[in-house]
Amino acid sequence: MQIDAHQPTAAVIDVADLRRLEVLAPAGLPDDELVGRLGDLGRLDGDHVWLPVERLRQAGPADPAWAEGFDAMIGYATSKGWVEGGAVRAHVVRS
């Protein structure tokens, strides 16, 4: 699962890939512009973005198998300390 911030409004993409969670942003994009592109989709925290878990869940298909995989991804993130206050931490990849 990825959040694409290459456009003026970030969008959740690649929802089928539950083995990674990352925010894709253009290299050199100032942090304030990234924040603007994310809107209510996430909160910037250094090299990471906190993404609302329920918002990500809503971006996926209404499929029980997908929901099970999503819950497993969030469970793994929780075990690593990457979930806090209903949000999951994702790394920002700039390219």
N, C-alpha and C. Protein backbone atom coordinates (compact mmCIF):
# COMPACT_ATOMS: atom_id res chain seq x y z
N MET A 1 0.85 -1.16 0.00
CA MET A 1 0.00 0.00 0.00
C MET A 1 0.91 1.23 0.00
N GLN A 2 0.54 2.16 -0.85
CA GLN A 2 1.33 3.37 -0.96
C GLN A 2 0.42 4.59 -0.97
N ILE A 3 0.96 5.71 -0.55
CA ILE A 3 0.30 6.98 -0.67
C ILE A 3 1.13 7.77 -1.67
N ASP A 4 0.53 8.15 -2.79
CA ASP A 4 1.24 8.87 -3.85
C ASP A 4 1.01 10.37 -3.67
N ALA A 5 2.08 11.08 -3.34
CA ALA A 5 2.02 12.53 -3.14
C ALA A 5 2.71 13.27 -4.29
N HIS A 6 2.78 12.65 -5.45
CA HIS A 6 3.36 13.32 -6.61
C HIS A 6 2.37 14.29 -7.26
N GLN A 7 1.09 14.13 -6.95
CA GLN A 7 0.05 15.01 -7.48
C GLN A 7 -0.33 16.03 -6.40
N PRO A 8 -1.04 17.08 -6.78
CA PRO A 8 -1.42 18.11 -5.79
C PRO A 8 -2.23 17.57 -4.61
N THR A 9 -2.98 16.50 -4.83
CA THR A 9 -3.72 15.85 -3.75
C THR A 9 -3.26 14.39 -3.67
N ALA A 10 -2.70 14.01 -2.52
CA ALA A 10 -2.20 12.65 -2.35
C ALA A 10 -3.34 11.64 -2.42
N ALA A 11 -3.02 10.45 -2.93
CA ALA A 11 -4.01 9.39 -3.07
C ALA A 11 -3.42 8.06 -2.63
N VAL A 12 -4.27 7.21 -2.08
CA VAL A 12 -3.87 5.86 -1.71
C VAL A 12 -3.87 5.02 -2.98
N ILE A 13 -2.73 4.35 -3.23
CA ILE A 13 -2.60 3.50 -4.42
C ILE A 13 -2.06 2.14 -3.99
N ASP A 14 -2.05 1.22 -4.92
CA ASP A 14 -1.47 -0.11 -4.72
C ASP A 14 -1.99 -0.76 -3.44
N VAL A 15 -3.31 -0.72 -3.25
CA VAL A 15 -3.91 -1.26 -2.03
C VAL A 15 -3.75 -2.77 -1.90
N ALA A 16 -3.48 -3.45 -3.00
CA ALA A 16 -3.32 -4.90 -2.95
C ALA A 16 -2.00 -5.32 -2.29
N ASP A 17 -1.00 -4.44 -2.29
CA ASP A 17 0.30 -4.76 -1.71
C ASP A 17 0.30 -4.39 -0.23
N LEU A 18 0.04 -5.37 0.61
CA LEU A 18 -0.01 -5.15 2.05
C LEU A 18 1.29 -5.54 2.74
N ARG A 19 2.35 -5.69 1.97
CA ARG A 19 3.65 -6.03 2.53
C ARG A 19 4.52 -4.79 2.72
N ARG A 20 3.99 -3.64 2.33
CA ARG A 20 4.72 -2.39 2.54
C ARG A 20 3.71 -1.26 2.72
N LEU A 21 4.15 -0.23 3.41
CA LEU A 21 3.34 0.97 3.58
C LEU A 21 4.30 2.14 3.52
N GLU A 22 4.12 2.97 2.49
CA GLU A 22 5.05 4.09 2.31
C GLU A 22 4.35 5.24 1.62
N VAL A 23 4.92 6.41 1.83
CA VAL A 23 4.43 7.63 1.18
C VAL A 23 5.46 8.00 0.12
N LEU A 24 5.02 8.11 -1.13
CA LEU A 24 5.89 8.47 -2.24
C LEU A 24 5.76 9.97 -2.48
N ALA A 25 6.90 10.67 -2.47
CA ALA A 25 6.89 12.12 -2.67
C ALA A 25 8.03 12.50 -3.60
N PRO A 26 7.86 13.58 -4.36
CA PRO A 26 8.93 14.03 -5.23
C PRO A 26 10.16 14.46 -4.43
N ALA A 27 11.32 14.14 -4.95
CA ALA A 27 12.57 14.62 -4.33
C ALA A 27 12.55 16.14 -4.37
N GLY A 28 12.98 16.74 -3.29
CA GLY A 28 13.05 18.20 -3.24
C GLY A 28 11.75 18.90 -2.90
N LEU A 29 10.66 18.15 -2.73
CA LEU A 29 9.40 18.76 -2.37
C LEU A 29 9.50 19.27 -0.93
N PRO A 30 9.30 20.56 -0.70
CA PRO A 30 9.38 21.08 0.67
C PRO A 30 8.34 20.43 1.58
N ASP A 31 8.69 20.28 2.84
CA ASP A 31 7.79 19.63 3.79
C ASP A 31 6.42 20.29 3.85
N ASP A 32 6.36 21.62 3.79
CA ASP A 32 5.06 22.29 3.87
C ASP A 32 4.18 21.94 2.67
N GLU A 33 4.80 21.72 1.51
CA GLU A 33 4.02 21.32 0.33
C GLU A 33 3.55 19.86 0.47
N LEU A 34 4.40 19.01 1.04
CA LEU A 34 3.99 17.63 1.27
C LEU A 34 2.80 17.60 2.22
N VAL A 35 2.87 18.39 3.28
CA VAL A 35 1.76 18.47 4.24
C VAL A 35 0.48 18.91 3.52
N GLY A 36 0.59 19.90 2.65
CA GLY A 36 -0.56 20.36 1.89
C GLY A 36 -1.13 19.29 0.98
N ARG A 37 -0.26 18.50 0.36
CA ARG A 37 -0.74 17.44 -0.53
C ARG A 37 -1.40 16.31 0.25
N LEU A 38 -0.91 16.05 1.46
CA LEU A 38 -1.49 14.99 2.28
C LEU A 38 -2.86 15.39 2.82
N GLY A 39 -3.05 16.66 3.10
CA GLY A 39 -4.32 17.10 3.68
C GLY A 39 -4.62 16.33 4.95
N ASP A 40 -5.83 15.77 5.05
CA ASP A 40 -6.20 15.01 6.25
C ASP A 40 -5.81 13.53 6.14
N LEU A 41 -5.05 13.20 5.12
CA LEU A 41 -4.62 11.81 4.92
C LEU A 41 -3.45 11.43 5.82
N GLY A 42 -2.71 12.41 6.33
CA GLY A 42 -1.59 12.06 7.18
C GLY A 42 -0.94 13.28 7.80
N ARG A 43 -0.13 13.00 8.82
CA ARG A 43 0.58 14.04 9.55
C ARG A 43 2.08 13.78 9.45
N LEU A 44 2.81 14.74 8.93
CA LEU A 44 4.26 14.60 8.74
C LEU A 44 4.97 14.66 10.09
N ASP A 45 5.94 13.76 10.26
CA ASP A 45 6.74 13.69 11.47
C ASP A 45 8.16 13.31 11.06
N GLY A 46 8.96 14.30 10.67
CA GLY A 46 10.32 14.03 10.20
C GLY A 46 10.30 13.31 8.87
N ASP A 47 10.90 12.12 8.82
CA ASP A 47 10.94 11.31 7.60
C ASP A 47 9.78 10.32 7.53
N HIS A 48 8.77 10.53 8.37
CA HIS A 48 7.63 9.62 8.43
C HIS A 48 6.34 10.42 8.36
N VAL A 49 5.28 9.70 8.04
CA VAL A 49 3.93 10.27 8.05
C VAL A 49 3.06 9.33 8.87
N TRP A 50 2.25 9.91 9.75
CA TRP A 50 1.27 9.14 10.51
C TRP A 50 -0.03 9.14 9.72
N LEU A 51 -0.48 7.96 9.34
CA LEU A 51 -1.67 7.79 8.49
C LEU A 51 -2.81 7.20 9.31
N PRO A 52 -4.01 7.74 9.20
CA PRO A 52 -5.14 7.18 9.94
C PRO A 52 -5.49 5.77 9.45
N VAL A 53 -5.46 4.82 10.36
CA VAL A 53 -5.70 3.42 10.01
C VAL A 53 -7.06 3.25 9.34
N GLU A 54 -8.09 3.85 9.88
CA GLU A 54 -9.43 3.66 9.31
C GLU A 54 -9.53 4.28 7.92
N ARG A 55 -8.84 5.36 7.69
CA ARG A 55 -8.86 5.97 6.35
C ARG A 55 -8.20 5.02 5.34
N LEU A 56 -7.11 4.37 5.73
CA LEU A 56 -6.46 3.39 4.85
C LEU A 56 -7.37 2.20 4.61
N ARG A 57 -8.04 1.74 5.68
CA ARG A 57 -8.94 0.60 5.54
C ARG A 57 -10.05 0.92 4.53
N GLN A 58 -10.59 2.12 4.59
CA GLN A 58 -11.66 2.53 3.68
C GLN A 58 -11.19 2.61 2.23
N ALA A 59 -9.89 2.79 2.02
CA ALA A 59 -9.34 2.87 0.66
C ALA A 59 -9.27 1.51 -0.01
N GLY A 60 -9.33 0.44 0.79
CA GLY A 60 -9.23 -0.91 0.24
C GLY A 60 -10.56 -1.44 -0.24
N PRO A 61 -10.53 -2.59 -0.89
CA PRO A 61 -11.76 -3.20 -1.40
C PRO A 61 -12.60 -3.79 -0.27
N ALA A 62 -13.86 -3.94 -0.51
CA ALA A 62 -14.77 -4.59 0.44
C ALA A 62 -14.65 -6.10 0.24
N ASP A 63 -13.52 -6.64 0.67
CA ASP A 63 -13.22 -8.05 0.47
C ASP A 63 -12.68 -8.61 1.79
N PRO A 64 -13.30 -9.67 2.33
CA PRO A 64 -12.85 -10.22 3.61
C PRO A 64 -11.38 -10.65 3.62
N ALA A 65 -10.90 -11.21 2.53
CA ALA A 65 -9.49 -11.64 2.47
C ALA A 65 -8.56 -10.43 2.54
N TRP A 66 -8.93 -9.36 1.84
CA TRP A 66 -8.11 -8.15 1.90
C TRP A 66 -8.13 -7.58 3.32
N ALA A 67 -9.31 -7.52 3.93
CA ALA A 67 -9.43 -6.98 5.29
C ALA A 67 -8.58 -7.78 6.27
N GLU A 68 -8.54 -9.09 6.09
CA GLU A 68 -7.71 -9.94 6.95
C GLU A 68 -6.22 -9.60 6.76
N GLY A 69 -5.80 -9.43 5.51
CA GLY A 69 -4.42 -9.05 5.23
C GLY A 69 -4.09 -7.66 5.77
N PHE A 70 -5.03 -6.73 5.65
CA PHE A 70 -4.82 -5.39 6.18
C PHE A 70 -4.65 -5.43 7.69
N ASP A 71 -5.52 -6.19 8.36
CA ASP A 71 -5.42 -6.32 9.82
C ASP A 71 -4.08 -6.93 10.22
N ALA A 72 -3.59 -7.89 9.43
CA ALA A 72 -2.29 -8.49 9.73
C ALA A 72 -1.18 -7.46 9.56
N MET A 73 -1.27 -6.61 8.53
CA MET A 73 -0.27 -5.56 8.33
C MET A 73 -0.27 -4.60 9.53
N ILE A 74 -1.45 -4.19 9.95
CA ILE A 74 -1.55 -3.27 11.09
C ILE A 74 -1.09 -3.97 12.38
N GLY A 75 -1.38 -5.24 12.51
CA GLY A 75 -0.91 -6.00 13.67
C GLY A 75 0.61 -6.06 13.72
N TYR A 76 1.23 -6.27 12.58
CA TYR A 76 2.69 -6.27 12.51
C TYR A 76 3.24 -4.89 12.90
N ALA A 77 2.64 -3.85 12.33
CA ALA A 77 3.09 -2.49 12.64
C ALA A 77 2.92 -2.20 14.13
N THR A 78 1.85 -2.68 14.71
CA THR A 78 1.62 -2.49 16.15
C THR A 78 2.72 -3.17 16.95
N SER A 79 3.10 -4.38 16.54
CA SER A 79 4.14 -5.12 17.27
C SER A 79 5.49 -4.41 17.22
N LYS A 80 5.69 -3.55 16.23
CA LYS A 80 6.94 -2.80 16.09
C LYS A 80 6.85 -1.41 16.73
N GLY A 81 5.69 -1.06 17.26
CA GLY A 81 5.51 0.25 17.88
C GLY A 81 5.20 1.35 16.88
N TRP A 82 4.70 0.97 15.71
CA TRP A 82 4.43 1.93 14.64
C TRP A 82 2.97 2.34 14.54
N VAL A 83 2.17 1.98 15.54
CA VAL A 83 0.77 2.38 15.57
C VAL A 83 0.54 3.13 16.87
N GLU A 84 -0.10 4.28 16.74
CA GLU A 84 -0.33 5.12 17.92
C GLU A 84 -1.55 6.00 17.67
N GLY A 85 -2.47 6.00 18.61
CA GLY A 85 -3.62 6.88 18.51
C GLY A 85 -4.45 6.73 17.25
N GLY A 86 -4.60 5.50 16.76
CA GLY A 86 -5.39 5.25 15.57
C GLY A 86 -4.67 5.56 14.26
N ALA A 87 -3.36 5.80 14.35
CA ALA A 87 -2.58 6.09 13.13
C ALA A 87 -1.38 5.14 13.05
N VAL A 88 -0.96 4.86 11.82
CA VAL A 88 0.19 4.00 11.58
C VAL A 88 1.28 4.83 10.91
N ARG A 89 2.51 4.58 11.31
CA ARG A 89 3.65 5.33 10.78
C ARG A 89 4.15 4.72 9.47
N ALA A 90 4.36 5.56 8.49
CA ALA A 90 4.89 5.14 7.19
C ALA A 90 6.09 6.00 6.84
N HIS A 91 7.07 5.39 6.21
CA HIS A 91 8.26 6.10 5.77
C HIS A 91 7.97 6.91 4.51
N VAL A 92 8.58 8.08 4.40
CA VAL A 92 8.46 8.89 3.20
C VAL A 92 9.61 8.53 2.26
N VAL A 93 9.27 8.13 1.04
CA VAL A 93 10.25 7.79 0.02
C VAL A 93 10.24 8.93 -1.00
N ARG A 94 11.33 9.62 -1.11
CA ARG A 94 11.41 10.76 -2.04
C ARG A 94 12.18 10.34 -3.29
N SER A 95 11.53 10.54 -4.43
CA SER A 95 12.20 10.18 -5.71
C SER A 95 11.76 11.08 -6.81
